[in-house]
């Protein structure tokens, strides 16, 4: 929960009108299952 709140607060600086705008982008790979956690971490 703490991480989710931190991420939302960071996105608030980018998109103050809709700070959860990027939630889908962050969760989609996990929902689809097309990338392992190692792949997601290494991609950054």
C-alpha atoms as a PDB file:
ATOM      1  CA  UNK A   1       0.000   0.000   0.000  1.00  0.00           C
ATOM      2  CA  UNK A   2       2.827   2.362   0.844  1.00  0.00           C
ATOM      3  CA  UNK A   3       4.386   1.856  -2.590  1.00  0.00           C
ATOM      4  CA  UNK A   4       1.061   2.444  -4.337  1.00  0.00           C
ATOM      5  CA  UNK A   5       0.613   5.707  -2.457  1.00  0.00           C
ATOM      6  CA  UNK A   6       4.169   6.801  -3.250  1.00  0.00           C
ATOM      7  CA  UNK A   7       3.697   6.061  -6.939  1.00  0.00           C
ATOM      8  CA  UNK A   8       0.372   7.891  -7.019  1.00  0.00           C
ATOM      9  CA  UNK A   9       1.974  10.908  -5.340  1.00  0.00           C
ATOM     10  CA  UNK A  10       4.799  10.906  -7.882  1.00  0.00           C
ATOM     11  CA  UNK A  11       2.317  10.722 -10.760  1.00  0.00           C
ATOM     12  CA  UNK A  12       0.426  13.629  -9.181  1.00  0.00           C
ATOM     13  CA  UNK A  13       3.389  15.837 -10.198  1.00  0.00           C
ATOM     14  CA  UNK A  14       3.076  14.640 -13.809  1.00  0.00           C
ATOM     15  CA  UNK A  15      -0.715  14.561 -14.106  1.00  0.00           C
ATOM     16  CA  UNK A  16      -2.266  16.471 -11.173  1.00  0.00           C
ATOM     17  CA  UNK A  17      -5.757  16.201 -12.665  1.00  0.00           C
ATOM     18  CA  UNK A  18      -5.573  12.378 -12.827  1.00  0.00           C
ATOM     19  CA  UNK A  19      -2.699  10.847 -10.831  1.00  0.00           C
ATOM     20  CA  UNK A  20      -3.923   7.269 -11.338  1.00  0.00           C
ATOM     21  CA  UNK A  21      -3.912   7.708 -15.100  1.00  0.00           C
ATOM     22  CA  UNK A  22      -0.960   5.326 -15.489  1.00  0.00           C
ATOM     23  CA  UNK A  23      -2.249   2.512 -13.262  1.00  0.00           C
ATOM     24  CA  UNK A  24      -3.245   0.412 -16.246  1.00  0.00           C
ATOM     25  CA  UNK A  25       0.187   0.768 -17.838  1.00  0.00           C
ATOM     26  CA  UNK A  26       1.847  -0.390 -14.621  1.00  0.00           C
ATOM     27  CA  UNK A  27      -0.434  -3.363 -14.002  1.00  0.00           C
ATOM     28  CA  UNK A  28      -1.108  -4.629 -17.533  1.00  0.00           C
ATOM     29  CA  UNK A  29       2.004  -6.850 -17.941  1.00  0.00           C
ATOM     30  CA  UNK A  30       1.189  -8.651 -14.694  1.00  0.00           C
ATOM     31  CA  UNK A  31      -2.462  -9.080 -15.626  1.00  0.00           C
ATOM     32  CA  UNK A  32      -1.614 -10.500 -19.037  1.00  0.00           C
ATOM     33  CA  UNK A  33       1.231 -12.599 -17.749  1.00  0.00           C
ATOM     34  CA  UNK A  34       3.420 -11.829 -20.753  1.00  0.00           C
ATOM     35  CA  UNK A  35       6.444 -10.779 -18.755  1.00  0.00           C
ATOM     36  CA  UNK A  36       8.118 -12.237 -15.734  1.00  0.00           C
ATOM     37  CA  UNK A  37       9.053  -9.971 -12.842  1.00  0.00           C
ATOM     38  CA  UNK A  38      12.724 -10.295 -13.859  1.00  0.00           C
ATOM     39  CA  UNK A  39      11.923  -9.045 -17.349  1.00  0.00           C
ATOM     40  CA  UNK A  40       9.950  -6.114 -15.992  1.00  0.00           C
ATOM     41  CA  UNK A  41      12.716  -5.098 -13.609  1.00  0.00           C
ATOM     42  CA  UNK A  42      15.447  -5.434 -16.242  1.00  0.00           C
ATOM     43  CA  UNK A  43      13.442  -3.390 -18.748  1.00  0.00           C
ATOM     44  CA  UNK A  44      13.935  -0.312 -16.603  1.00  0.00           C
END
